[in-house]
Amino acid sequence: MERKEAPTRKRKTRQLEAVLQAVHGEPDFLSAADVFTKLKSAGATIGLATVYRNLASLAAEGVLDQLRAADGTMLYRECGDIHHHHHLVCRKCGKTEEFSLEGLEVTLDKLANKHGFTEIEHVMELNGVCAECRQNSDSAKTS
């Protein structure tokens, strides 16, 4: 997967580049603490607040996907799909799948318009149990 560059900003700092590099190619969602630890292990000089700020900014720009873990922690991952999409999240192992559904977007726009809303934005996470965790759970029950 090719890395999506951050949109043009006033100043592209070395801290921003370090945060982008830390999440680049990671298959799993990472917390700000995970990114901070990874950067510190690599010898980067960066503060935790700077990591939080850059992750939030990159998520707002669509460069990173963002979701909230069951414990409330915000998690980030390099955006695998440049188009609007949603996530299926396994609440047991954290596995995340991206999906999009054109009919859903049309339905949500119609619903918003019906209630007088425009310029709609939304984030959707569907939480459940993935096939692998379900299979492991079923196997444990029959043992």
C-alpha atoms as a PDB file:
ATOM      1  CA  MET A   1       0.000   0.000   0.000  1.00  0.00           C
ATOM      2  CA  GLU A   2       1.419   3.356  -0.979  1.00  0.00           C
ATOM      3  CA  ARG A   3       1.646   5.931   1.789  1.00  0.00           C
ATOM      4  CA  LYS A   4      -0.853   8.756   1.464  1.00  0.00           C
ATOM      5  CA  GLU A   5       0.867  12.106   1.924  1.00  0.00           C
ATOM      6  CA  ALA A   6      -0.460  14.702   4.327  1.00  0.00           C
ATOM      7  CA  PRO A   7      -2.288  17.524   2.578  1.00  0.00           C
ATOM      8  CA  THR A   8      -0.284  20.689   2.098  1.00  0.00           C
ATOM      9  CA  ARG A   9       0.049  22.497   5.402  1.00  0.00           C
ATOM     10  CA  LYS A  10       1.766  25.669   6.468  1.00  0.00           C
ATOM     11  CA  ARG A  11       4.680  23.794   7.968  1.00  0.00           C
ATOM     12  CA  LYS A  12       5.584  20.132   7.568  1.00  0.00           C
ATOM     13  CA  THR A  13       7.616  19.459  10.692  1.00  0.00           C
ATOM     14  CA  ARG A  14      10.056  16.667  11.388  1.00  0.00           C
ATOM     15  CA  GLN A  15       7.725  15.576  14.219  1.00  0.00           C
ATOM     16  CA  LEU A  16       4.857  15.203  11.757  1.00  0.00           C
ATOM     17  CA  GLU A  17       7.075  13.184   9.435  1.00  0.00           C
ATOM     18  CA  ALA A  18       8.183  11.010  12.369  1.00  0.00           C
ATOM     19  CA  VAL A  19       4.563  10.306  13.357  1.00  0.00           C
ATOM     20  CA  LEU A  20       3.656   9.465   9.754  1.00  0.00           C
ATOM     21  CA  GLN A  21       6.650   7.138   9.514  1.00  0.00           C
ATOM     22  CA  ALA A  22       5.722   5.435  12.801  1.00  0.00           C
ATOM     23  CA  VAL A  23       2.242   4.492  11.569  1.00  0.00           C
ATOM     24  CA  HIS A  24       3.263   3.784   7.967  1.00  0.00           C
ATOM     25  CA  GLY A  25       2.812   0.112   7.109  1.00  0.00           C
ATOM     26  CA  GLU A  26       1.420  -0.844  10.523  1.00  0.00           C
ATOM     27  CA  PRO A  27      -1.469  -3.272   9.967  1.00  0.00           C
ATOM     28  CA  ASP A  28      -3.073  -2.590  13.352  1.00  0.00           C
ATOM     29  CA  PHE A  29      -4.488   0.528  14.932  1.00  0.00           C
ATOM     30  CA  LEU A  30      -2.086   2.213  17.362  1.00  0.00           C
ATOM     31  CA  SER A  31      -2.713   4.477  20.325  1.00  0.00           C
ATOM     32  CA  ALA A  32      -0.801   7.719  20.793  1.00  0.00           C
ATOM     33  CA  ALA A  33       1.140   5.948  23.562  1.00  0.00           C
ATOM     34  CA  ASP A  34       2.065   3.144  21.121  1.00  0.00           C
ATOM     35  CA  VAL A  35       3.303   5.674  18.557  1.00  0.00           C
ATOM     36  CA  PHE A  36       5.192   7.604  21.249  1.00  0.00           C
ATOM     37  CA  THR A  37       6.903   4.417  22.499  1.00  0.00           C
ATOM     38  CA  LYS A  38       7.803   3.394  18.959  1.00  0.00           C
ATOM     39  CA  LEU A  39       9.297   6.825  18.240  1.00  0.00           C
ATOM     40  CA  LYS A  40      11.234   6.941  21.525  1.00  0.00           C
ATOM     41  CA  SER A  41      12.621   3.440  20.844  1.00  0.00           C
ATOM     42  CA  ALA A  42      13.857   4.725  17.481  1.00  0.00           C
ATOM     43  CA  GLY A  43      15.612   7.626  19.218  1.00  0.00           C
ATOM     44  CA  ALA A  44      13.200  10.385  18.232  1.00  0.00           C
ATOM     45  CA  THR A  45      12.998  13.520  20.344  1.00  0.00           C
ATOM     46  CA  ILE A  46       9.276  14.166  20.576  1.00  0.00           C
ATOM     47  CA  GLY A  47       6.771  14.777  23.346  1.00  0.00           C
ATOM     48  CA  LEU A  48       3.632  12.766  23.946  1.00  0.00           C
ATOM     49  CA  ALA A  49       1.474  15.899  23.535  1.00  0.00           C
ATOM     50  CA  THR A  50       3.057  16.479  20.112  1.00  0.00           C
ATOM     51  CA  VAL A  51       2.238  12.894  19.117  1.00  0.00           C
ATOM     52  CA  TYR A  52      -1.395  13.373  20.193  1.00  0.00           C
ATOM     53  CA  ARG A  53      -1.646  16.690  18.332  1.00  0.00           C
ATOM     54  CA  ASN A  54      -0.154  15.318  15.105  1.00  0.00           C
ATOM     55  CA  LEU A  55      -2.275  12.152  15.167  1.00  0.00           C
ATOM     56  CA  ALA A  56      -5.471  14.173  15.675  1.00  0.00           C
ATOM     57  CA  SER A  57      -4.503  16.567  12.891  1.00  0.00           C
ATOM     58  CA  LEU A  58      -3.669  13.764  10.458  1.00  0.00           C
ATOM     59  CA  ALA A  59      -6.950  12.010  11.279  1.00  0.00           C
ATOM     60  CA  ALA A  60      -8.906  15.227  10.680  1.00  0.00           C
ATOM     61  CA  GLU A  61      -7.192  15.566   7.291  1.00  0.00           C
ATOM     62  CA  GLY A  62      -8.115  11.982   6.318  1.00  0.00           C
ATOM     63  CA  VAL A  63      -4.528  10.732   6.248  1.00  0.00           C
ATOM     64  CA  LEU A  64      -5.161   8.438   9.239  1.00  0.00           C
ATOM     65  CA  ASP A  65      -8.213   6.431  10.221  1.00  0.00           C
ATOM     66  CA  GLN A  66      -9.324   6.981  13.802  1.00  0.00           C
ATOM     67  CA  LEU A  67     -11.532   4.901  16.047  1.00  0.00           C
ATOM     68  CA  ARG A  68     -12.287   4.657  19.741  1.00  0.00           C
ATOM     69  CA  ALA A  69     -11.371   1.427  21.552  1.00  0.00           C
ATOM     70  CA  ALA A  70     -13.761  -0.132  24.071  1.00  0.00           C
ATOM     71  CA  ASP A  71     -11.787   1.525  26.901  1.00  0.00           C
ATOM     72  CA  GLY A  72     -12.152   4.967  25.282  1.00  0.00           C
ATOM     73  CA  THR A  73      -8.613   5.190  23.910  1.00  0.00           C
ATOM     74  CA  MET A  74      -8.349   6.782  20.471  1.00  0.00           C
ATOM     75  CA  LEU A  75      -6.574   4.532  17.973  1.00  0.00           C
ATOM     76  CA  TYR A  76      -5.017   5.461  14.629  1.00  0.00           C
ATOM     77  CA  ARG A  77      -3.958   3.672  11.461  1.00  0.00           C
ATOM     78  CA  GLU A  78      -2.785   4.765   8.052  1.00  0.00           C
ATOM     79  CA  CYS A  79      -5.869   5.185   5.903  1.00  0.00           C
ATOM     80  CA  GLY A  80      -6.036   2.261   3.498  1.00  0.00           C
ATOM     81  CA  ASP A  81      -8.834   3.708   1.388  1.00  0.00           C
ATOM     82  CA  ILE A  82      -8.723   7.321   0.278  1.00  0.00           C
ATOM     83  CA  HIS A  83     -12.499   7.319  -0.200  1.00  0.00           C
ATOM     84  CA  HIS A  84     -15.002   7.614   2.629  1.00  0.00           C
ATOM     85  CA  HIS A  85     -15.345   4.285   4.395  1.00  0.00           C
ATOM     86  CA  HIS A  86     -16.368   2.653   7.656  1.00  0.00           C
ATOM     87  CA  HIS A  87     -14.925  -0.006   9.941  1.00  0.00           C
ATOM     88  CA  LEU A  88     -15.937  -3.399  11.288  1.00  0.00           C
ATOM     89  CA  VAL A  89     -14.108  -3.909  14.596  1.00  0.00           C
ATOM     90  CA  CYS A  90     -13.782  -7.181  16.506  1.00  0.00           C
ATOM     91  CA  ARG A  91     -14.376  -6.432  20.164  1.00  0.00           C
ATOM     92  CA  LYS A  92     -12.339  -9.476  21.228  1.00  0.00           C
ATOM     93  CA  CYS A  93      -9.104  -9.189  19.223  1.00  0.00           C
ATOM     94  CA  GLY A  94      -9.362  -5.693  17.731  1.00  0.00           C
ATOM     95  CA  LYS A  95      -9.157  -6.869  14.110  1.00  0.00           C
ATOM     96  CA  THR A  96     -10.471  -4.122  11.860  1.00  0.00           C
ATOM     97  CA  GLU A  97     -11.862  -4.330   8.336  1.00  0.00           C
ATOM     98  CA  GLU A  98     -12.652  -1.323   6.165  1.00  0.00           C
ATOM     99  CA  PHE A  99     -15.860  -1.279   4.136  1.00  0.00           C
ATOM    100  CA  SER A 100     -17.922   1.128   2.099  1.00  0.00           C
ATOM    101  CA  LEU A 101     -21.496   0.851   0.950  1.00  0.00           C
ATOM    102  CA  GLU A 102     -22.739   3.416  -1.557  1.00  0.00           C
ATOM    103  CA  GLY A 103     -26.410   2.880  -0.782  1.00  0.00           C
ATOM    104  CA  LEU A 104     -25.734   3.635   2.871  1.00  0.00           C
ATOM    105  CA  GLU A 105     -24.287   7.059   2.067  1.00  0.00           C
ATOM    106  CA  VAL A 106     -27.323   7.957  -0.038  1.00  0.00           C
ATOM    107  CA  THR A 107     -29.687   6.807   2.725  1.00  0.00           C
ATOM    108  CA  LEU A 108     -27.845   8.816   5.384  1.00  0.00           C
ATOM    109  CA  ASP A 109     -27.874  11.940   3.192  1.00  0.00           C
ATOM    110  CA  LYS A 110     -31.630  11.559   2.630  1.00  0.00           C
ATOM    111  CA  LEU A 111     -32.211  11.107   6.359  1.00  0.00           C
ATOM    112  CA  ALA A 112     -30.176  14.217   7.179  1.00  0.00           C
ATOM    113  CA  ASN A 113     -31.930  16.286   4.501  1.00  0.00           C
ATOM    114  CA  LYS A 114     -35.324  15.141   5.782  1.00  0.00           C
ATOM    115  CA  HIS A 115     -34.423  16.682   9.138  1.00  0.00           C
ATOM    116  CA  GLY A 116     -33.013  19.860   7.605  1.00  0.00           C
ATOM    117  CA  PHE A 117     -29.330  18.998   7.979  1.00  0.00           C
ATOM    118  CA  THR A 118     -26.714  19.726   5.322  1.00  0.00           C
ATOM    119  CA  GLU A 119     -22.928  19.365   5.047  1.00  0.00           C
ATOM    120  CA  ILE A 120     -23.158  15.978   6.742  1.00  0.00           C
ATOM    121  CA  GLU A 121     -20.119  14.150   8.079  1.00  0.00           C
ATOM    122  CA  HIS A 122     -20.170  10.877   9.947  1.00  0.00           C
ATOM    123  CA  VAL A 123     -17.987   8.086  11.283  1.00  0.00           C
ATOM    124  CA  MET A 124     -19.287   4.556  11.543  1.00  0.00           C
ATOM    125  CA  GLU A 125     -17.829   1.653  13.466  1.00  0.00           C
ATOM    126  CA  LEU A 126     -19.653  -1.649  13.655  1.00  0.00           C
ATOM    127  CA  ASN A 127     -18.445  -3.692  16.615  1.00  0.00           C
ATOM    128  CA  GLY A 128     -18.853  -7.439  16.749  1.00  0.00           C
ATOM    129  CA  VAL A 129     -16.896 -10.691  16.895  1.00  0.00           C
ATOM    130  CA  CYS A 130     -14.794 -11.715  13.892  1.00  0.00           C
ATOM    131  CA  ALA A 131     -14.999 -15.190  12.368  1.00  0.00           C
ATOM    132  CA  GLU A 132     -11.672 -16.296  13.870  1.00  0.00           C
ATOM    133  CA  CYS A 133     -12.624 -15.268  17.419  1.00  0.00           C
ATOM    134  CA  ARG A 134     -16.075 -16.829  17.018  1.00  0.00           C
ATOM    135  CA  GLN A 135     -14.476 -20.068  15.816  1.00  0.00           C
ATOM    136  CA  ASN A 136     -12.012 -20.045  18.731  1.00  0.00           C
ATOM    137  CA  SER A 137     -14.882 -19.418  21.150  1.00  0.00           C
ATOM    138  CA  ASP A 138     -16.957 -22.234  19.630  1.00  0.00           C
ATOM    139  CA  SER A 139     -13.953 -24.588  19.813  1.00  0.00           C
ATOM    140  CA  ALA A 140     -13.400 -23.745  23.484  1.00  0.00           C
ATOM    141  CA  LYS A 141     -17.061 -24.490  24.266  1.00  0.00           C
ATOM    142  CA  THR A 142     -16.900 -27.958  22.696  1.00  0.00           C
ATOM    143  CA  SER A 143     -13.613 -28.932  24.380  1.00  0.00           C
END
